[in-house]
Amino acid sequence: MLNIVIGAYGGLSVVAGILQGLVKNIVWWSALILALGGGVMVSTIFLDGMVSVYAVTIGGLLIHISAIINNQRMHGEINKTHHFARFLGTVMLVVAQWMSLQA
């Protein structure tokens, strides 16, 4: 079940990266980072062990980096509360994936 949640989050990030890149809401390289991070998270569905934890971590960080870049470019500032909540969500996914290995 956890891998489905992580895969869905990653898949939605891939779609968002592609669509926002096509309509040019964000710069192309940030759209690429977003889609790449989402793709890494989707790969978690097919991975086991600590490699899956690393994939969630790396994918989540790439998505988060892209979100910070986009927020800065679109609004001229960084919404700290929003990004703290996103970061906390990513940490929760990483910890949940790691804990699923312990069971």
PDB file of N, CA and C in Angstrom:
ATOM      1  N   MET A   1       0.817  -1.201   0.000  1.00  0.00           N
ATOM      2  CA  MET A   1       0.000   0.000   0.000  1.00  0.00           C
ATOM      3  C   MET A   1       0.864   1.271   0.000  1.00  0.00           C
ATOM      4  N   LEU A   2       1.920   1.257   0.825  1.00  0.00           N
ATOM      5  CA  LEU A   2       2.810   2.412   0.901  1.00  0.00           C
ATOM      6  C   LEU A   2       3.447   2.699  -0.451  1.00  0.00           C
ATOM      7  N   ASN A   3       3.880   1.648  -1.153  1.00  0.00           N
ATOM      8  CA  ASN A   3       4.499   1.858  -2.462  1.00  0.00           C
ATOM      9  C   ASN A   3       3.521   2.468  -3.457  1.00  0.00           C
ATOM     10  N   ILE A   4       2.234   2.168  -3.305  1.00  0.00           N
ATOM     11  CA  ILE A   4       1.225   2.756  -4.185  1.00  0.00           C
ATOM     12  C   ILE A   4       1.107   4.260  -3.907  1.00  0.00           C
ATOM     13  N   VAL A   5       1.116   4.641  -2.634  1.00  0.00           N
ATOM     14  CA  VAL A   5       1.046   6.056  -2.267  1.00  0.00           C
ATOM     15  C   VAL A   5       2.271   6.800  -2.799  1.00  0.00           C
ATOM     16  N   ILE A   6       3.452   6.224  -2.576  1.00  0.00           N
ATOM     17  CA  ILE A   6       4.688   6.852  -3.044  1.00  0.00           C
ATOM     18  C   ILE A   6       4.707   6.918  -4.573  1.00  0.00           C
ATOM     19  N   GLY A   7       4.300   5.835  -5.215  1.00  0.00           N
ATOM     20  CA  GLY A   7       4.257   5.810  -6.675  1.00  0.00           C
ATOM     21  C   GLY A   7       3.273   6.816  -7.245  1.00  0.00           C
ATOM     22  N   ALA A   8       2.121   6.962  -6.586  1.00  0.00           N
ATOM     23  CA  ALA A   8       1.116   7.932  -7.044  1.00  0.00           C
ATOM     24  C   ALA A   8       1.642   9.363  -6.891  1.00  0.00           C
ATOM     25  N   TYR A   9       2.279   9.644  -5.770  1.00  0.00           N
ATOM     26  CA  TYR A   9       2.857  10.974  -5.547  1.00  0.00           C
ATOM     27  C   TYR A   9       3.920  11.263  -6.615  1.00  0.00           C
ATOM     28  N   GLY A  10       4.755  10.278  -6.865  1.00  0.00           N
ATOM     29  CA  GLY A  10       5.776  10.436  -7.899  1.00  0.00           C
ATOM     30  C   GLY A  10       5.169  10.594  -9.278  1.00  0.00           C
ATOM     31  N   GLY A  11       4.155   9.784  -9.591  1.00  0.00           N
ATOM     32  CA  GLY A  11       3.506   9.854 -10.888  1.00  0.00           C
ATOM     33  C   GLY A  11       2.835  11.199 -11.129  1.00  0.00           C
ATOM     34  N   LEU A  12       2.170  11.720 -10.102  1.00  0.00           N
ATOM     35  CA  LEU A  12       1.554  13.034 -10.219  1.00  0.00           C
ATOM     36  C   LEU A  12       2.606  14.126 -10.405  1.00  0.00           C
ATOM     37  N   SER A  13       3.760  13.944  -9.783  1.00  0.00           N
ATOM     38  CA  SER A  13       4.853  14.909  -9.956  1.00  0.00           C
ATOM     39  C   SER A  13       5.411  14.855 -11.371  1.00  0.00           C
ATOM     40  N   VAL A  14       5.489  13.667 -11.943  1.00  0.00           N
ATOM     41  CA  VAL A  14       5.931  13.534 -13.345  1.00  0.00           C
ATOM     42  C   VAL A  14       4.955  14.271 -14.256  1.00  0.00           C
ATOM     43  N   VAL A  15       3.668  14.016 -14.076  1.00  0.00           N
ATOM     44  CA  VAL A  15       2.644  14.676 -14.898  1.00  0.00           C
ATOM     45  C   VAL A  15       2.721  16.193 -14.733  1.00  0.00           C
ATOM     46  N   ALA A  16       2.845  16.662 -13.484  1.00  0.00           N
ATOM     47  CA  ALA A  16       2.936  18.104 -13.232  1.00  0.00           C
ATOM     48  C   ALA A  16       4.171  18.701 -13.906  1.00  0.00           C
ATOM     49  N   GLY A  17       5.302  18.011 -13.817  1.00  0.00           N
ATOM     50  CA  GLY A  17       6.524  18.501 -14.452  1.00  0.00           C
ATOM     51  C   GLY A  17       6.378  18.621 -15.955  1.00  0.00           C
ATOM     52  N   ILE A  18       5.781  17.603 -16.566  1.00  0.00           N
ATOM     53  CA  ILE A  18       5.603  17.616 -18.021  1.00  0.00           C
ATOM     54  C   ILE A  18       4.636  18.722 -18.434  1.00  0.00           C
ATOM     55  N   LEU A  19       3.473  18.767 -17.771  1.00  0.00           N
ATOM     56  CA  LEU A  19       2.465  19.761 -18.150  1.00  0.00           C
ATOM     57  C   LEU A  19       2.941  21.181 -17.904  1.00  0.00           C
ATOM     58  N   GLN A  20       3.551  21.426 -16.758  1.00  0.00           N
ATOM     59  CA  GLN A  20       4.007  22.788 -16.470  1.00  0.00           C
ATOM     60  C   GLN A  20       5.171  23.179 -17.377  1.00  0.00           C
ATOM     61  N   GLY A  21       5.973  22.204 -17.750  1.00  0.00           N
ATOM     62  CA  GLY A  21       7.045  22.495 -18.698  1.00  0.00           C
ATOM     63  C   GLY A  21       6.502  22.837 -20.074  1.00  0.00           C
ATOM     64  N   LEU A  22       5.447  22.126 -20.496  1.00  0.00           N
ATOM     65  CA  LEU A  22       4.858  22.374 -21.817  1.00  0.00           C
ATOM     66  C   LEU A  22       4.160  23.724 -21.905  1.00  0.00           C
ATOM     67  N   VAL A  23       3.456  24.104 -20.845  1.00  0.00           N
ATOM     68  CA  VAL A  23       2.760  25.395 -20.883  1.00  0.00           C
ATOM     69  C   VAL A  23       3.648  26.528 -20.385  1.00  0.00           C
ATOM     70  N   LYS A  24       4.868  26.187 -20.041  1.00  0.00           N
ATOM     71  CA  LYS A  24       5.892  27.155 -19.649  1.00  0.00           C
ATOM     72  C   LYS A  24       5.522  27.958 -18.401  1.00  0.00           C
ATOM     73  N   ASN A  25       4.824  27.307 -17.455  1.00  0.00           N
ATOM     74  CA  ASN A  25       4.576  27.936 -16.161  1.00  0.00           C
ATOM     75  C   ASN A  25       5.867  28.041 -15.361  1.00  0.00           C
ATOM     76  N   ILE A  26       6.775  27.099 -15.609  1.00  0.00           N
ATOM     77  CA  ILE A  26       8.056  27.067 -14.910  1.00  0.00           C
ATOM     78  C   ILE A  26       9.156  26.879 -15.947  1.00  0.00           C
ATOM     79  N   VAL A  27      10.392  27.200 -15.576  1.00  0.00           N
ATOM     80  CA  VAL A  27      11.506  27.045 -16.520  1.00  0.00           C
ATOM     81  C   VAL A  27      11.708  25.562 -16.826  1.00  0.00           C
ATOM     82  N   TRP A  28      12.189  25.255 -18.017  1.00  0.00           N
ATOM     83  CA  TRP A  28      12.269  23.874 -18.490  1.00  0.00           C
ATOM     84  C   TRP A  28      13.112  23.002 -17.583  1.00  0.00           C
ATOM     85  N   TRP A  29      14.218  23.534 -17.048  1.00  0.00           N
ATOM     86  CA  TRP A  29      15.103  22.694 -16.237  1.00  0.00           C
ATOM     87  C   TRP A  29      14.488  22.388 -14.879  1.00  0.00           C
ATOM     88  N   SER A  30      13.652  23.274 -14.362  1.00  0.00           N
ATOM     89  CA  SER A  30      12.957  22.989 -13.114  1.00  0.00           C
ATOM     90  C   SER A  30      11.851  21.957 -13.344  1.00  0.00           C
ATOM     91  N   ALA A  31      11.180  22.043 -14.501  1.00  0.00           N
ATOM     92  CA  ALA A  31      10.182  21.035 -14.869  1.00  0.00           C
ATOM     93  C   ALA A  31      10.849  19.671 -15.005  1.00  0.00           C
ATOM     94  N   LEU A  32      12.050  19.658 -15.568  1.00  0.00           N
ATOM     95  CA  LEU A  32      12.798  18.411 -15.719  1.00  0.00           C
ATOM     96  C   LEU A  32      13.175  17.827 -14.348  1.00  0.00           C
ATOM     97  N   ILE A  33      13.619  18.678 -13.428  1.00  0.00           N
ATOM     98  CA  ILE A  33      13.960  18.219 -12.068  1.00  0.00           C
ATOM     99  C   ILE A  33      12.721  17.632 -11.396  1.00  0.00           C
ATOM    100  N   LEU A  34      11.576  18.298 -11.546  1.00  0.00           N
ATOM    101  CA  LEU A  34      10.330  17.819 -10.956  1.00  0.00           C
ATOM    102  C   LEU A  34       9.940  16.459 -11.531  1.00  0.00           C
ATOM    103  N   ALA A  35       9.978  16.334 -12.855  1.00  0.00           N
ATOM    104  CA  ALA A  35       9.615  15.073 -13.494  1.00  0.00           C
ATOM    105  C   ALA A  35      10.618  13.965 -13.147  1.00  0.00           C
ATOM    106  N   LEU A  36      11.885  14.300 -13.094  1.00  0.00           N
ATOM    107  CA  LEU A  36      12.909  13.319 -12.741  1.00  0.00           C
ATOM    108  C   LEU A  36      12.713  12.828 -11.305  1.00  0.00           C
ATOM    109  N   GLY A  37      12.477  13.749 -10.386  1.00  0.00           N
ATOM    110  CA  GLY A  37      12.226  13.362  -8.997  1.00  0.00           C
ATOM    111  C   GLY A  37      11.010  12.471  -8.882  1.00  0.00           C
ATOM    112  N   GLY A  38       9.960  12.810  -9.616  1.00  0.00           N
ATOM    113  CA  GLY A  38       8.769  11.967  -9.622  1.00  0.00           C
ATOM    114  C   GLY A  38       9.051  10.591 -10.189  1.00  0.00           C
ATOM    115  N   GLY A  39       9.839  10.540 -11.247  1.00  0.00           N
ATOM    116  CA  GLY A  39      10.197   9.252 -11.846  1.00  0.00           C
ATOM    117  C   GLY A  39      10.989   8.374 -10.897  1.00  0.00           C
ATOM    118  N   VAL A  40      11.883   8.992 -10.146  1.00  0.00           N
ATOM    119  CA  VAL A  40      12.658   8.231  -9.154  1.00  0.00           C
ATOM    120  C   VAL A  40      11.714   7.665  -8.088  1.00  0.00           C
ATOM    121  N   MET A  41      10.733   8.463  -7.675  1.00  0.00           N
ATOM    122  CA  MET A  41       9.776   7.965  -6.681  1.00  0.00           C
ATOM    123  C   MET A  41       8.909   6.846  -7.250  1.00  0.00           C
ATOM    124  N   VAL A  42       8.517   6.946  -8.514  1.00  0.00           N
ATOM    125  CA  VAL A  42       7.735   5.880  -9.146  1.00  0.00           C
ATOM    126  C   VAL A  42       8.539   4.587  -9.173  1.00  0.00           C
ATOM    127  N   SER A  43       9.839   4.690  -9.365  1.00  0.00           N
ATOM    128  CA  SER A  43      10.684   3.491  -9.420  1.00  0.00           C
ATOM    129  C   SER A  43      10.653   2.703  -8.120  1.00  0.00           C
ATOM    130  N   THR A  44      10.229   3.343  -7.032  1.00  0.00           N
ATOM    131  CA  THR A  44      10.145   2.672  -5.735  1.00  0.00           C
ATOM    132  C   THR A  44       9.232   1.459  -5.797  1.00  0.00           C
ATOM    133  N   ILE A  45       8.236   1.507  -6.682  1.00  0.00           N
ATOM    134  CA  ILE A  45       7.301   0.390  -6.829  1.00  0.00           C
ATOM    135  C   ILE A  45       8.060  -0.890  -7.188  1.00  0.00           C
ATOM    136  N   PHE A  46       9.156  -0.758  -7.912  1.00  0.00           N
ATOM    137  CA  PHE A  46       9.890  -1.915  -8.417  1.00  0.00           C
ATOM    138  C   PHE A  46      11.149  -2.241  -7.616  1.00  0.00           C
ATOM    139  N   LEU A  47      11.417  -1.491  -6.556  1.00  0.00           N
ATOM    140  CA  LEU A  47      12.645  -1.670  -5.785  1.00  0.00           C
ATOM    141  C   LEU A  47      12.361  -2.268  -4.418  1.00  0.00           C
ATOM    142  N   ASP A  48      13.364  -2.943  -3.836  1.00  0.00           N
ATOM    143  CA  ASP A  48      13.220  -3.423  -2.456  1.00  0.00           C
ATOM    144  C   ASP A  48      14.423  -2.981  -1.650  1.00  0.00           C
ATOM    145  N   GLY A  49      14.293  -3.200  -0.369  1.00  0.00           N
ATOM    146  CA  GLY A  49      15.388  -2.935   0.551  1.00  0.00           C
ATOM    147  C   GLY A  49      15.719  -1.461   0.654  1.00  0.00           C
ATOM    148  N   MET A  50      16.941  -1.218   1.083  1.00  0.00           N
ATOM    149  CA  MET A  50      17.383   0.163   1.297  1.00  0.00           C
ATOM    150  C   MET A  50      17.419   0.972   0.008  1.00  0.00           C
ATOM    151  N   VAL A  51      17.517   0.311  -1.130  1.00  0.00           N
ATOM    152  CA  VAL A  51      17.508   1.033  -2.407  1.00  0.00           C
ATOM    153  C   VAL A  51      16.186   1.793  -2.558  1.00  0.00           C
ATOM    154  N   SER A  52      15.093   1.192  -2.094  1.00  0.00           N
ATOM    155  CA  SER A  52      13.799   1.879  -2.178  1.00  0.00           C
ATOM    156  C   SER A  52      13.766   3.095  -1.254  1.00  0.00           C
ATOM    157  N   VAL A  53      14.397   3.002  -0.100  1.00  0.00           N
ATOM    158  CA  VAL A  53      14.466   4.144   0.821  1.00  0.00           C
ATOM    159  C   VAL A  53      15.287   5.261   0.186  1.00  0.00           C
ATOM    160  N   TYR A  54      16.392   4.908  -0.442  1.00  0.00           N
ATOM    161  CA  TYR A  54      17.217   5.912  -1.122  1.00  0.00           C
ATOM    162  C   TYR A  54      16.440   6.569  -2.262  1.00  0.00           C
ATOM    163  N   ALA A  55      15.654   5.774  -2.999  1.00  0.00           N
ATOM    164  CA  ALA A  55      14.875   6.316  -4.118  1.00  0.00           C
ATOM    165  C   ALA A  55      13.833   7.321  -3.622  1.00  0.00           C
ATOM    166  N   VAL A  56      13.155   6.987  -2.528  1.00  0.00           N
ATOM    167  CA  VAL A  56      12.166   7.919  -1.969  1.00  0.00           C
ATOM    168  C   VAL A  56      12.866   9.200  -1.516  1.00  0.00           C
ATOM    169  N   THR A  57      14.017   9.048  -0.887  1.00  0.00           N
ATOM    170  CA  THR A  57      14.764  10.212  -0.392  1.00  0.00           C
ATOM    171  C   THR A  57      15.217  11.105  -1.539  1.00  0.00           C
ATOM    172  N   ILE A  58      15.859  10.525  -2.526  1.00  0.00           N
ATOM    173  CA  ILE A  58      16.379  11.311  -3.650  1.00  0.00           C
ATOM    174  C   ILE A  58      15.240  11.917  -4.462  1.00  0.00           C
ATOM    175  N   GLY A  59      14.218  11.117  -4.765  1.00  0.00           N
ATOM    176  CA  GLY A  59      13.075  11.633  -5.516  1.00  0.00           C
ATOM    177  C   GLY A  59      12.375  12.753  -4.784  1.00  0.00           C
ATOM    178  N   GLY A  60      12.164  12.578  -3.479  1.00  0.00           N
ATOM    179  CA  GLY A  60      11.509  13.605  -2.681  1.00  0.00           C
ATOM    180  C   GLY A  60      12.311  14.894  -2.628  1.00  0.00           C
ATOM    181  N   LEU A  61      13.628  14.762  -2.499  1.00  0.00           N
ATOM    182  CA  LEU A  61      14.476  15.956  -2.464  1.00  0.00           C
ATOM    183  C   LEU A  61      14.471  16.697  -3.801  1.00  0.00           C
ATOM    184  N   LEU A  62      14.500  15.953  -4.903  1.00  0.00           N
ATOM    185  CA  LEU A  62      14.445  16.602  -6.218  1.00  0.00           C
ATOM    186  C   LEU A  62      13.127  17.349  -6.409  1.00  0.00           C
ATOM    187  N   ILE A  63      12.019  16.718  -6.012  1.00  0.00           N
ATOM    188  CA  ILE A  63      10.711  17.367  -6.106  1.00  0.00           C
ATOM    189  C   ILE A  63      10.693  18.627  -5.244  1.00  0.00           C
ATOM    190  N   HIS A  64      11.234  18.519  -4.051  1.00  0.00           N
ATOM    191  CA  HIS A  64      11.231  19.655  -3.134  1.00  0.00           C
ATOM    192  C   HIS A  64      12.113  20.798  -3.647  1.00  0.00           C
ATOM    193  N   ILE A  65      13.263  20.469  -4.190  1.00  0.00           N
ATOM    194  CA  ILE A  65      14.144  21.495  -4.761  1.00  0.00           C
ATOM    195  C   ILE A  65      13.423  22.235  -5.886  1.00  0.00           C
ATOM    196  N   SER A  66      12.758  21.484  -6.754  1.00  0.00           N
ATOM    197  CA  SER A  66      12.011  22.105  -7.842  1.00  0.00           C
ATOM    198  C   SER A  66      10.901  23.001  -7.302  1.00  0.00           C
ATOM    199  N   ALA A  67      10.204  22.561  -6.273  1.00  0.00           N
ATOM    200  CA  ALA A  67       9.123  23.365  -5.688  1.00  0.00           C
ATOM    201  C   ALA A  67       9.653  24.676  -5.115  1.00  0.00           C
ATOM    202  N   ILE A  68      10.804  24.624  -4.473  1.00  0.00           N
ATOM    203  CA  ILE A  68      11.398  25.850  -3.920  1.00  0.00           C
ATOM    204  C   ILE A  68      11.802  26.805  -5.047  1.00  0.00           C
ATOM    205  N   ILE A  69      12.425  26.273  -6.085  1.00  0.00           N
ATOM    206  CA  ILE A  69      12.823  27.094  -7.238  1.00  0.00           C
ATOM    207  C   ILE A  69      11.594  27.745  -7.867  1.00  0.00           C
ATOM    208  N   ASN A  70      10.552  26.948  -8.089  1.00  0.00           N
ATOM    209  CA  ASN A  70       9.345  27.466  -8.735  1.00  0.00           C
ATOM    210  C   ASN A  70       8.663  28.524  -7.876  1.00  0.00           C
ATOM    211  N   ASN A  71       8.596  28.292  -6.573  1.00  0.00           N
ATOM    212  CA  ASN A  71       7.975  29.247  -5.668  1.00  0.00           C
ATOM    213  C   ASN A  71       8.731  30.577  -5.697  1.00  0.00           C
ATOM    214  N   GLN A  72      10.046  30.507  -5.679  1.00  0.00           N
ATOM    215  CA  GLN A  72      10.878  31.720  -5.703  1.00  0.00           C
ATOM    216  C   GLN A  72      10.694  32.475  -7.016  1.00  0.00           C
ATOM    217  N   ARG A  73      10.705  31.764  -8.132  1.00  0.00           N
ATOM    218  CA  ARG A  73      10.596  32.418  -9.432  1.00  0.00           C
ATOM    219  C   ARG A  73       9.202  32.984  -9.698  1.00  0.00           C
ATOM    220  N   MET A  74       8.163  32.278  -9.227  1.00  0.00           N
ATOM    221  CA  MET A  74       6.788  32.696  -9.520  1.00  0.00           C
ATOM    222  C   MET A  74       6.293  33.789  -8.574  1.00  0.00           C
ATOM    223  N   HIS A  75       6.736  33.731  -7.306  1.00  0.00           N
ATOM    224  CA  HIS A  75       6.196  34.649  -6.307  1.00  0.00           C
ATOM    225  C   HIS A  75       7.239  35.585  -5.708  1.00  0.00           C
ATOM    226  N   GLY A  76       8.497  35.402  -6.072  1.00  0.00           N
ATOM    227  CA  GLY A  76       9.547  36.282  -5.587  1.00  0.00           C
ATOM    228  C   GLY A  76       9.965  36.041  -4.148  1.00  0.00           C
ATOM    229  N   GLU A  77       9.389  35.047  -3.523  1.00  0.00           N
ATOM    230  CA  GLU A  77       9.751  34.700  -2.146  1.00  0.00           C
ATOM    231  C   GLU A  77       9.461  33.224  -1.912  1.00  0.00           C
ATOM    232  N   ILE A  78       9.918  32.740  -0.790  1.00  0.00           N
ATOM    233  CA  ILE A  78       9.700  31.336  -0.441  1.00  0.00           C
ATOM    234  C   ILE A  78       8.695  31.279   0.701  1.00  0.00           C
ATOM    235  N   ASN A  79       7.628  30.525   0.497  1.00  0.00           N
ATOM    236  CA  ASN A  79       6.612  30.335   1.527  1.00  0.00           C
ATOM    237  C   ASN A  79       7.130  29.255   2.492  1.00  0.00           C
ATOM    238  N   LYS A  80       7.700  29.699   3.599  1.00  0.00           N
ATOM    239  CA  LYS A  80       8.371  28.779   4.526  1.00  0.00           C
ATOM    240  C   LYS A  80       7.428  27.740   5.106  1.00  0.00           C
ATOM    241  N   THR A  81       6.221  28.121   5.452  1.00  0.00           N
ATOM    242  CA  THR A  81       5.268  27.176   6.032  1.00  0.00           C
ATOM    243  C   THR A  81       4.914  26.080   5.026  1.00  0.00           C
ATOM    244  N   HIS A  82       4.667  26.472   3.795  1.00  0.00           N
ATOM    245  CA  HIS A  82       4.335  25.516   2.740  1.00  0.00           C
ATOM    246  C   HIS A  82       5.469  24.519   2.528  1.00  0.00           C
ATOM    247  N   HIS A  83       6.672  25.031   2.427  1.00  0.00           N
ATOM    248  CA  HIS A  83       7.804  24.146   2.155  1.00  0.00           C
ATOM    249  C   HIS A  83       8.183  23.300   3.362  1.00  0.00           C
ATOM    250  N   PHE A  84       7.947  23.809   4.556  1.00  0.00           N
ATOM    251  CA  PHE A  84       8.160  22.988   5.746  1.00  0.00           C
ATOM    252  C   PHE A  84       7.182  21.817   5.745  1.00  0.00           C
ATOM    253  N   ALA A  85       5.924  22.080   5.392  1.00  0.00           N
ATOM    254  CA  ALA A  85       4.916  21.015   5.335  1.00  0.00           C
ATOM    255  C   ALA A  85       5.276  19.990   4.259  1.00  0.00           C
ATOM    256  N   ARG A  86       5.732  20.461   3.094  1.00  0.00           N
ATOM    257  CA  ARG A  86       6.157  19.535   2.024  1.00  0.00           C
ATOM    258  C   ARG A  86       7.339  18.689   2.480  1.00  0.00           C
ATOM    259  N   PHE A  87       8.310  19.340   3.127  1.00  0.00           N
ATOM    260  CA  PHE A  87       9.481  18.623   3.604  1.00  0.00           C
ATOM    261  C   PHE A  87       9.092  17.587   4.652  1.00  0.00           C
ATOM    262  N   LEU A  88       8.205  17.964   5.558  1.00  0.00           N
ATOM    263  CA  LEU A  88       7.731  17.045   6.581  1.00  0.00           C
ATOM    264  C   LEU A  88       7.032  15.844   5.940  1.00  0.00           C
ATOM    265  N   GLY A  89       6.236  16.090   4.913  1.00  0.00           N
ATOM    266  CA  GLY A  89       5.587  14.994   4.189  1.00  0.00           C
ATOM    267  C   GLY A  89       6.594  14.057   3.553  1.00  0.00           C
ATOM    268  N   THR A  90       7.647  14.608   2.970  1.00  0.00           N
ATOM    269  CA  THR A  90       8.691  13.781   2.365  1.00  0.00           C
ATOM    270  C   THR A  90       9.409  12.961   3.423  1.00  0.00           C
ATOM    271  N   VAL A  91       9.718  13.592   4.549  1.00  0.00           N
ATOM    272  CA  VAL A  91      10.374  12.869   5.648  1.00  0.00           C
ATOM    273  C   VAL A  91       9.481  11.731   6.122  1.00  0.00           C
ATOM    274  N   MET A  92       8.183  11.976   6.223  1.00  0.00           N
ATOM    275  CA  MET A  92       7.264  10.927   6.656  1.00  0.00           C
ATOM    276  C   MET A  92       7.254   9.755   5.674  1.00  0.00           C
ATOM    277  N   LEU A  93       7.296  10.039   4.380  1.00  0.00           N
ATOM    278  CA  LEU A  93       7.341   8.964   3.386  1.00  0.00           C
ATOM    279  C   LEU A  93       8.638   8.165   3.488  1.00  0.00           C
ATOM    280  N   VAL A  94       9.752   8.864   3.685  1.00  0.00           N
ATOM    281  CA  VAL A  94      11.048   8.183   3.812  1.00  0.00           C
ATOM    282  C   VAL A  94      11.051   7.292   5.051  1.00  0.00           C
ATOM    283  N   VAL A  95      10.598   7.837   6.177  1.00  0.00           N
ATOM    284  CA  VAL A  95      10.572   7.056   7.425  1.00  0.00           C
ATOM    285  C   VAL A  95       9.623   5.870   7.292  1.00  0.00           C
ATOM    286  N   ALA A  96       8.457   6.084   6.690  1.00  0.00           N
ATOM    287  CA  ALA A  96       7.509   4.986   6.512  1.00  0.00           C
ATOM    288  C   ALA A  96       8.104   3.892   5.619  1.00  0.00           C
ATOM    289  N   GLN A  97       8.797   4.291   4.563  1.00  0.00           N
ATOM    290  CA  GLN A  97       9.431   3.301   3.684  1.00  0.00           C
ATOM    291  C   GLN A  97      10.514   2.536   4.428  1.00  0.00           C
ATOM    292  N   TRP A  98      11.291   3.226   5.224  1.00  0.00           N
ATOM    293  CA  TRP A  98      12.343   2.571   6.017  1.00  0.00           C
ATOM    294  C   TRP A  98      11.721   1.632   7.052  1.00  0.00           C
ATOM    295  N   MET A  99      10.665   2.084   7.704  1.00  0.00           N
ATOM    296  CA  MET A  99      10.021   1.248   8.724  1.00  0.00           C
ATOM    297  C   MET A  99       9.363   0.015   8.108  1.00  0.00           C
ATOM    298  N   SER A 100       8.918   0.130   6.864  1.00  0.00           N
ATOM    299  CA  SER A 100       8.309  -1.036   6.200  1.00  0.00           C
ATOM    300  C   SER A 100       9.339  -2.140   5.982  1.00  0.00           C
ATOM    301  N   LEU A 101      10.613  -1.773   5.933  1.00  0.00           N
ATOM    302  CA  LEU A 101      11.678  -2.780   5.798  1.00  0.00           C
ATOM    303  C   LEU A 101      11.920  -3.514   7.105  1.00  0.00           C
ATOM    304  N   GLN A 102      11.602  -2.847   8.218  1.00  0.00           N
ATOM    305  CA  GLN A 102      11.861  -3.415   9.541  1.00  0.00           C
ATOM    306  C   GLN A 102      10.797  -4.428   9.941  1.00  0.00           C
ATOM    307  N   ALA A 103       9.641  -4.375   9.277  1.00  0.00           N
ATOM    308  CA  ALA A 103       8.524  -5.257   9.672  1.00  0.00           C
ATOM    309  C   ALA A 103       8.714  -6.672   9.190  1.00  0.00           C
TER     310      ALA A 103
END
